[in-house]
């Protein structure tokens, strides 16, 4: 007998369909078909869809169910600078002693990024940034970042699909680690912000 997916499995599977375009931007989620495809009843499916709407990956539309929001350059221009500054602030809030222990582990995750593709690449990038901020002692700041970054997931996947973007991002990640290894927090923060701004320049170009 096939195992019924857990809620976390459902969230992951639906998220994957949004990120790879099987649930395209602007489309309405057909709950009957999706429930059948995933092998679940409507109740756990709706719970998962509500969870993804809470994260901003879907939109709940009265009378229409759940929609995949269209790509919005204005949203990109609002969110990317915000996340860039929040992450840089979290980095500056972290003790230099704590930061000094991170570069080798950061480089190891960057090595994984170099081997990853598609949605896996975005997931490894998430892990790299999570590790970078893992020593920040301010839980309120980390909560703000955690609440905001899911809104970028679709855009991140689109960015990494662009020619050369993954290699550029990995190079910036390694520069951040190298700066931390040298105790140069100012450079690490500047490169971190530049890493986000470069994605903004690409994704936010439409609708300027």
C-alpha atoms as a PDB file:
ATOM      1  CA  UNK A   1       0.000   0.000   0.000  1.00  0.00           C
ATOM      2  CA  UNK A   2       1.354   3.421  -0.953  1.00  0.00           C
ATOM      3  CA  UNK A   3       2.300   5.647   1.951  1.00  0.00           C
ATOM      4  CA  UNK A   4       0.192   8.780   2.426  1.00  0.00           C
ATOM      5  CA  UNK A   5       2.496  11.813   2.199  1.00  0.00           C
ATOM      6  CA  UNK A   6       3.152  13.703   5.414  1.00  0.00           C
ATOM      7  CA  UNK A   7       2.289  17.393   5.568  1.00  0.00           C
ATOM      8  CA  UNK A   8       5.960  18.309   5.135  1.00  0.00           C
ATOM      9  CA  UNK A   9       6.116  16.032   2.080  1.00  0.00           C
ATOM     10  CA  UNK A  10       3.050  17.732   0.604  1.00  0.00           C
ATOM     11  CA  UNK A  11       4.518  21.168   1.164  1.00  0.00           C
ATOM     12  CA  UNK A  12       7.738  20.091  -0.521  1.00  0.00           C
ATOM     13  CA  UNK A  13       5.986  18.453  -3.479  1.00  0.00           C
ATOM     14  CA  UNK A  14       3.658  21.392  -4.135  1.00  0.00           C
ATOM     15  CA  UNK A  15       6.510  23.859  -3.726  1.00  0.00           C
ATOM     16  CA  UNK A  16       8.501  21.893  -6.289  1.00  0.00           C
ATOM     17  CA  UNK A  17       5.635  22.126  -8.772  1.00  0.00           C
ATOM     18  CA  UNK A  18       5.456  25.891  -8.351  1.00  0.00           C
ATOM     19  CA  UNK A  19       9.203  26.364  -8.686  1.00  0.00           C
ATOM     20  CA  UNK A  20       9.622  24.197 -11.782  1.00  0.00           C
ATOM     21  CA  UNK A  21       6.529  25.564 -13.551  1.00  0.00           C
ATOM     22  CA  UNK A  22       4.268  22.535 -13.382  1.00  0.00           C
ATOM     23  CA  UNK A  23       1.999  24.930 -11.493  1.00  0.00           C
ATOM     24  CA  UNK A  24       2.704  28.005 -13.650  1.00  0.00           C
ATOM     25  CA  UNK A  25       2.589  31.632 -12.574  1.00  0.00           C
ATOM     26  CA  UNK A  26      -0.945  33.011 -12.763  1.00  0.00           C
ATOM     27  CA  UNK A  27      -2.589  29.572 -12.796  1.00  0.00           C
ATOM     28  CA  UNK A  28      -5.364  28.368 -10.506  1.00  0.00           C
ATOM     29  CA  UNK A  29      -4.590  25.243  -8.497  1.00  0.00           C
ATOM     30  CA  UNK A  30      -6.987  22.439  -9.495  1.00  0.00           C
ATOM     31  CA  UNK A  31      -7.391  20.811  -6.093  1.00  0.00           C
ATOM     32  CA  UNK A  32      -9.219  17.735  -7.390  1.00  0.00           C
ATOM     33  CA  UNK A  33      -6.527  16.901  -9.936  1.00  0.00           C
ATOM     34  CA  UNK A  34      -3.669  17.770  -7.592  1.00  0.00           C
ATOM     35  CA  UNK A  35      -5.091  15.652  -4.765  1.00  0.00           C
ATOM     36  CA  UNK A  36      -5.363  12.697  -7.134  1.00  0.00           C
ATOM     37  CA  UNK A  37      -1.867  13.273  -8.487  1.00  0.00           C
ATOM     38  CA  UNK A  38      -0.366  13.402  -5.000  1.00  0.00           C
ATOM     39  CA  UNK A  39      -2.469  10.540  -3.636  1.00  0.00           C
ATOM     40  CA  UNK A  40      -4.095  12.490  -0.804  1.00  0.00           C
ATOM     41  CA  UNK A  41      -7.562  13.606   0.207  1.00  0.00           C
ATOM     42  CA  UNK A  42      -8.720  17.192  -0.144  1.00  0.00           C
ATOM     43  CA  UNK A  43      -8.388  17.977   3.585  1.00  0.00           C
ATOM     44  CA  UNK A  44      -4.598  17.539   3.976  1.00  0.00           C
ATOM     45  CA  UNK A  45      -4.101  19.084   0.552  1.00  0.00           C
ATOM     46  CA  UNK A  46      -6.007  22.214   1.545  1.00  0.00           C
ATOM     47  CA  UNK A  47      -4.039  22.416   4.793  1.00  0.00           C
ATOM     48  CA  UNK A  48      -0.819  22.342   2.765  1.00  0.00           C
ATOM     49  CA  UNK A  49      -2.143  24.937   0.307  1.00  0.00           C
ATOM     50  CA  UNK A  50      -3.117  27.221   3.193  1.00  0.00           C
ATOM     51  CA  UNK A  51       0.381  26.827   4.616  1.00  0.00           C
ATOM     52  CA  UNK A  52       1.929  27.812   1.291  1.00  0.00           C
ATOM     53  CA  UNK A  53      -0.433  30.785   1.039  1.00  0.00           C
ATOM     54  CA  UNK A  54       0.732  31.872   4.494  1.00  0.00           C
ATOM     55  CA  UNK A  55       4.301  31.760   3.170  1.00  0.00           C
ATOM     56  CA  UNK A  56       3.363  33.823   0.113  1.00  0.00           C
ATOM     57  CA  UNK A  57       4.064  31.090  -2.432  1.00  0.00           C
ATOM     58  CA  UNK A  58       0.346  30.860  -3.270  1.00  0.00           C
ATOM     59  CA  UNK A  59      -2.576  33.278  -3.048  1.00  0.00           C
ATOM     60  CA  UNK A  60      -5.986  32.393  -1.630  1.00  0.00           C
ATOM     61  CA  UNK A  61      -8.635  34.036  -3.837  1.00  0.00           C
ATOM     62  CA  UNK A  62     -12.256  34.072  -2.589  1.00  0.00           C
ATOM     63  CA  UNK A  63     -14.424  32.037  -4.915  1.00  0.00           C
ATOM     64  CA  UNK A  64     -11.437  30.866  -6.970  1.00  0.00           C
ATOM     65  CA  UNK A  65      -9.442  28.753  -4.549  1.00  0.00           C
ATOM     66  CA  UNK A  66      -5.655  28.993  -4.637  1.00  0.00           C
ATOM     67  CA  UNK A  67      -3.666  30.750  -7.336  1.00  0.00           C
ATOM     68  CA  UNK A  68       0.018  30.831  -8.205  1.00  0.00           C
ATOM     69  CA  UNK A  69       0.774  34.557  -8.157  1.00  0.00           C
ATOM     70  CA  UNK A  70       2.202  36.051 -11.359  1.00  0.00           C
ATOM     71  CA  UNK A  71       5.794  37.202 -11.432  1.00  0.00           C
ATOM     72  CA  UNK A  72       5.895  40.801 -10.248  1.00  0.00           C
ATOM     73  CA  UNK A  73       8.984  42.975 -10.886  1.00  0.00           C
ATOM     74  CA  UNK A  74       7.693  45.467  -8.316  1.00  0.00           C
ATOM     75  CA  UNK A  75       7.659  42.732  -5.676  1.00  0.00           C
ATOM     76  CA  UNK A  76      11.227  41.842  -6.640  1.00  0.00           C
ATOM     77  CA  UNK A  77      12.328  45.440  -6.209  1.00  0.00           C
ATOM     78  CA  UNK A  78      10.680  45.594  -2.778  1.00  0.00           C
ATOM     79  CA  UNK A  79      11.887  42.271  -1.405  1.00  0.00           C
ATOM     80  CA  UNK A  80      15.476  41.848  -2.600  1.00  0.00           C
ATOM     81  CA  UNK A  81      16.894  45.043  -1.026  1.00  0.00           C
ATOM     82  CA  UNK A  82      15.019  44.202   2.185  1.00  0.00           C
ATOM     83  CA  UNK A  83      16.490  40.699   2.438  1.00  0.00           C
ATOM     84  CA  UNK A  84      19.941  41.990   1.466  1.00  0.00           C
ATOM     85  CA  UNK A  85      19.967  44.532   4.294  1.00  0.00           C
ATOM     86  CA  UNK A  86      18.464  42.127   6.826  1.00  0.00           C
ATOM     87  CA  UNK A  87      21.088  39.463   6.096  1.00  0.00           C
ATOM     88  CA  UNK A  88      23.915  42.005   6.180  1.00  0.00           C
ATOM     89  CA  UNK A  89      22.603  43.283   9.513  1.00  0.00           C
ATOM     90  CA  UNK A  90      22.480  39.724  10.888  1.00  0.00           C
ATOM     91  CA  UNK A  91      26.069  39.228   9.759  1.00  0.00           C
ATOM     92  CA  UNK A  92      27.215  42.443  11.465  1.00  0.00           C
ATOM     93  CA  UNK A  93      25.334  41.428  14.615  1.00  0.00           C
ATOM     94  CA  UNK A  94      27.352  38.200  14.856  1.00  0.00           C
ATOM     95  CA  UNK A  95      30.489  37.942  16.940  1.00  0.00           C
ATOM     96  CA  UNK A  96      33.726  37.940  14.867  1.00  0.00           C
ATOM     97  CA  UNK A  97      34.828  34.895  16.854  1.00  0.00           C
ATOM     98  CA  UNK A  98      31.706  33.014  15.759  1.00  0.00           C
ATOM     99  CA  UNK A  99      32.127  34.145  12.146  1.00  0.00           C
ATOM    100  CA  UNK A 100      35.738  32.946  12.095  1.00  0.00           C
ATOM    101  CA  UNK A 101      34.547  29.360  12.473  1.00  0.00           C
ATOM    102  CA  UNK A 102      32.279  29.427   9.409  1.00  0.00           C
ATOM    103  CA  UNK A 103      34.407  29.803   6.230  1.00  0.00           C
ATOM    104  CA  UNK A 104      35.405  26.155   5.760  1.00  0.00           C
ATOM    105  CA  UNK A 105      31.817  24.966   6.180  1.00  0.00           C
ATOM    106  CA  UNK A 106      30.569  27.725   3.863  1.00  0.00           C
ATOM    107  CA  UNK A 107      33.057  26.676   1.197  1.00  0.00           C
ATOM    108  CA  UNK A 108      31.909  23.065   1.524  1.00  0.00           C
ATOM    109  CA  UNK A 109      28.304  24.098   0.823  1.00  0.00           C
ATOM    110  CA  UNK A 110      29.514  26.247  -2.092  1.00  0.00           C
ATOM    111  CA  UNK A 111      31.144  23.095  -3.480  1.00  0.00           C
ATOM    112  CA  UNK A 112      27.734  21.428  -3.321  1.00  0.00           C
ATOM    113  CA  UNK A 113      26.212  24.384  -5.174  1.00  0.00           C
ATOM    114  CA  UNK A 114      28.700  23.878  -8.001  1.00  0.00           C
ATOM    115  CA  UNK A 115      27.323  20.354  -8.513  1.00  0.00           C
ATOM    116  CA  UNK A 116      23.625  21.159  -8.117  1.00  0.00           C
ATOM    117  CA  UNK A 117      21.063  22.108 -10.762  1.00  0.00           C
ATOM    118  CA  UNK A 118      17.488  23.375 -10.904  1.00  0.00           C
ATOM    119  CA  UNK A 119      15.482  23.414  -7.688  1.00  0.00           C
ATOM    120  CA  UNK A 120      18.328  21.576  -5.915  1.00  0.00           C
ATOM    121  CA  UNK A 121      20.595  24.552  -6.584  1.00  0.00           C
ATOM    122  CA  UNK A 122      18.139  26.932  -4.923  1.00  0.00           C
ATOM    123  CA  UNK A 123      17.857  24.566  -1.935  1.00  0.00           C
ATOM    124  CA  UNK A 124      21.643  24.381  -1.487  1.00  0.00           C
ATOM    125  CA  UNK A 125      21.854  28.173  -1.781  1.00  0.00           C
ATOM    126  CA  UNK A 126      19.268  28.428   0.994  1.00  0.00           C
ATOM    127  CA  UNK A 127      21.446  26.194   3.167  1.00  0.00           C
ATOM    128  CA  UNK A 128      24.504  28.344   2.485  1.00  0.00           C
ATOM    129  CA  UNK A 129      22.718  31.515   3.582  1.00  0.00           C
ATOM    130  CA  UNK A 130      21.212  29.751   6.613  1.00  0.00           C
ATOM    131  CA  UNK A 131      24.695  28.639   7.673  1.00  0.00           C
ATOM    132  CA  UNK A 132      26.080  32.146   7.183  1.00  0.00           C
ATOM    133  CA  UNK A 133      23.461  33.557   9.567  1.00  0.00           C
ATOM    134  CA  UNK A 134      23.415  30.614  11.972  1.00  0.00           C
ATOM    135  CA  UNK A 135      25.570  32.327  14.608  1.00  0.00           C
ATOM    136  CA  UNK A 136      23.490  35.515  14.754  1.00  0.00           C
ATOM    137  CA  UNK A 137      22.223  35.874  18.355  1.00  0.00           C
ATOM    138  CA  UNK A 138      19.183  38.023  17.492  1.00  0.00           C
ATOM    139  CA  UNK A 139      16.128  35.726  17.138  1.00  0.00           C
ATOM    140  CA  UNK A 140      13.821  38.601  16.189  1.00  0.00           C
ATOM    141  CA  UNK A 141      16.007  39.543  13.220  1.00  0.00           C
ATOM    142  CA  UNK A 142      16.304  35.916  12.132  1.00  0.00           C
ATOM    143  CA  UNK A 143      12.528  35.548  12.353  1.00  0.00           C
ATOM    144  CA  UNK A 144      12.051  38.516  10.017  1.00  0.00           C
ATOM    145  CA  UNK A 145      14.420  36.935   7.519  1.00  0.00           C
ATOM    146  CA  UNK A 146      12.723  33.540   7.825  1.00  0.00           C
ATOM    147  CA  UNK A 147       9.314  35.092   7.197  1.00  0.00           C
ATOM    148  CA  UNK A 148      10.448  37.135   4.190  1.00  0.00           C
ATOM    149  CA  UNK A 149      12.697  34.790   2.229  1.00  0.00           C
ATOM    150  CA  UNK A 150      10.025  32.258   1.167  1.00  0.00           C
ATOM    151  CA  UNK A 151       8.492  35.033  -0.940  1.00  0.00           C
ATOM    152  CA  UNK A 152      11.655  34.965  -3.053  1.00  0.00           C
ATOM    153  CA  UNK A 153      11.713  31.245  -3.810  1.00  0.00           C
ATOM    154  CA  UNK A 154      10.177  31.415  -7.294  1.00  0.00           C
ATOM    155  CA  UNK A 155      12.357  34.345  -8.252  1.00  0.00           C
ATOM    156  CA  UNK A 156      15.488  32.614  -7.016  1.00  0.00           C
ATOM    157  CA  UNK A 157      14.756  29.580  -9.178  1.00  0.00           C
ATOM    158  CA  UNK A 158      14.259  31.855 -12.194  1.00  0.00           C
ATOM    159  CA  UNK A 159      17.518  33.674 -11.451  1.00  0.00           C
ATOM    160  CA  UNK A 160      19.615  30.524 -11.166  1.00  0.00           C
ATOM    161  CA  UNK A 161      18.149  29.306 -14.470  1.00  0.00           C
ATOM    162  CA  UNK A 162      19.828  32.251 -16.234  1.00  0.00           C
ATOM    163  CA  UNK A 163      23.099  31.684 -18.070  1.00  0.00           C
ATOM    164  CA  UNK A 164      26.095  32.048 -15.803  1.00  0.00           C
ATOM    165  CA  UNK A 165      24.144  33.219 -12.764  1.00  0.00           C
ATOM    166  CA  UNK A 166      24.895  30.162 -10.659  1.00  0.00           C
ATOM    167  CA  UNK A 167      28.633  30.479 -11.252  1.00  0.00           C
ATOM    168  CA  UNK A 168      28.591  34.186 -10.416  1.00  0.00           C
ATOM    169  CA  UNK A 169      26.663  33.560  -7.212  1.00  0.00           C
ATOM    170  CA  UNK A 170      28.996  30.765  -6.134  1.00  0.00           C
ATOM    171  CA  UNK A 171      31.975  33.047  -6.741  1.00  0.00           C
ATOM    172  CA  UNK A 172      30.409  35.721  -4.536  1.00  0.00           C
ATOM    173  CA  UNK A 173      29.728  33.143  -1.842  1.00  0.00           C
ATOM    174  CA  UNK A 174      33.375  32.158  -1.859  1.00  0.00           C
ATOM    175  CA  UNK A 175      34.444  35.820  -1.637  1.00  0.00           C
ATOM    176  CA  UNK A 176      32.247  36.243   1.440  1.00  0.00           C
ATOM    177  CA  UNK A 177      33.819  33.189   3.070  1.00  0.00           C
ATOM    178  CA  UNK A 178      37.302  34.434   2.194  1.00  0.00           C
ATOM    179  CA  UNK A 179      36.568  37.844   3.719  1.00  0.00           C
ATOM    180  CA  UNK A 180      35.325  36.226   6.913  1.00  0.00           C
ATOM    181  CA  UNK A 181      38.455  34.088   7.018  1.00  0.00           C
ATOM    182  CA  UNK A 182      40.486  37.305   6.949  1.00  0.00           C
ATOM    183  CA  UNK A 183      38.299  38.938   9.593  1.00  0.00           C
ATOM    184  CA  UNK A 184      37.076  41.528   7.065  1.00  0.00           C
ATOM    185  CA  UNK A 185      33.440  41.902   8.056  1.00  0.00           C
ATOM    186  CA  UNK A 186      32.932  45.078   6.011  1.00  0.00           C
ATOM    187  CA  UNK A 187      33.882  43.350   2.765  1.00  0.00           C
ATOM    188  CA  UNK A 188      31.840  40.261   3.605  1.00  0.00           C
ATOM    189  CA  UNK A 189      28.759  42.422   4.242  1.00  0.00           C
ATOM    190  CA  UNK A 190      29.290  44.442   1.053  1.00  0.00           C
ATOM    191  CA  UNK A 191      29.642  41.330  -1.107  1.00  0.00           C
ATOM    192  CA  UNK A 192      26.580  39.786   0.547  1.00  0.00           C
ATOM    193  CA  UNK A 193      24.476  42.820  -0.356  1.00  0.00           C
ATOM    194  CA  UNK A 194      25.938  42.822  -3.885  1.00  0.00           C
ATOM    195  CA  UNK A 195      24.991  39.151  -4.252  1.00  0.00           C
ATOM    196  CA  UNK A 196      21.341  39.998  -3.662  1.00  0.00           C
ATOM    197  CA  UNK A 197      21.415  43.213  -5.701  1.00  0.00           C
ATOM    198  CA  UNK A 198      22.787  41.392  -8.742  1.00  0.00           C
ATOM    199  CA  UNK A 199      19.748  39.121  -8.703  1.00  0.00           C
ATOM    200  CA  UNK A 200      17.529  42.183  -8.317  1.00  0.00           C
ATOM    201  CA  UNK A 201      19.086  43.800 -11.386  1.00  0.00           C
ATOM    202  CA  UNK A 202      18.211  40.739 -13.458  1.00  0.00           C
ATOM    203  CA  UNK A 203      14.776  39.868 -12.077  1.00  0.00           C
ATOM    204  CA  UNK A 204      13.474  43.397 -11.618  1.00  0.00           C
ATOM    205  CA  UNK A 205      14.368  44.690 -15.070  1.00  0.00           C
ATOM    206  CA  UNK A 206      10.907  44.189 -16.552  1.00  0.00           C
ATOM    207  CA  UNK A 207       8.399  46.859 -15.760  1.00  0.00           C
ATOM    208  CA  UNK A 208      11.006  49.521 -14.913  1.00  0.00           C
END
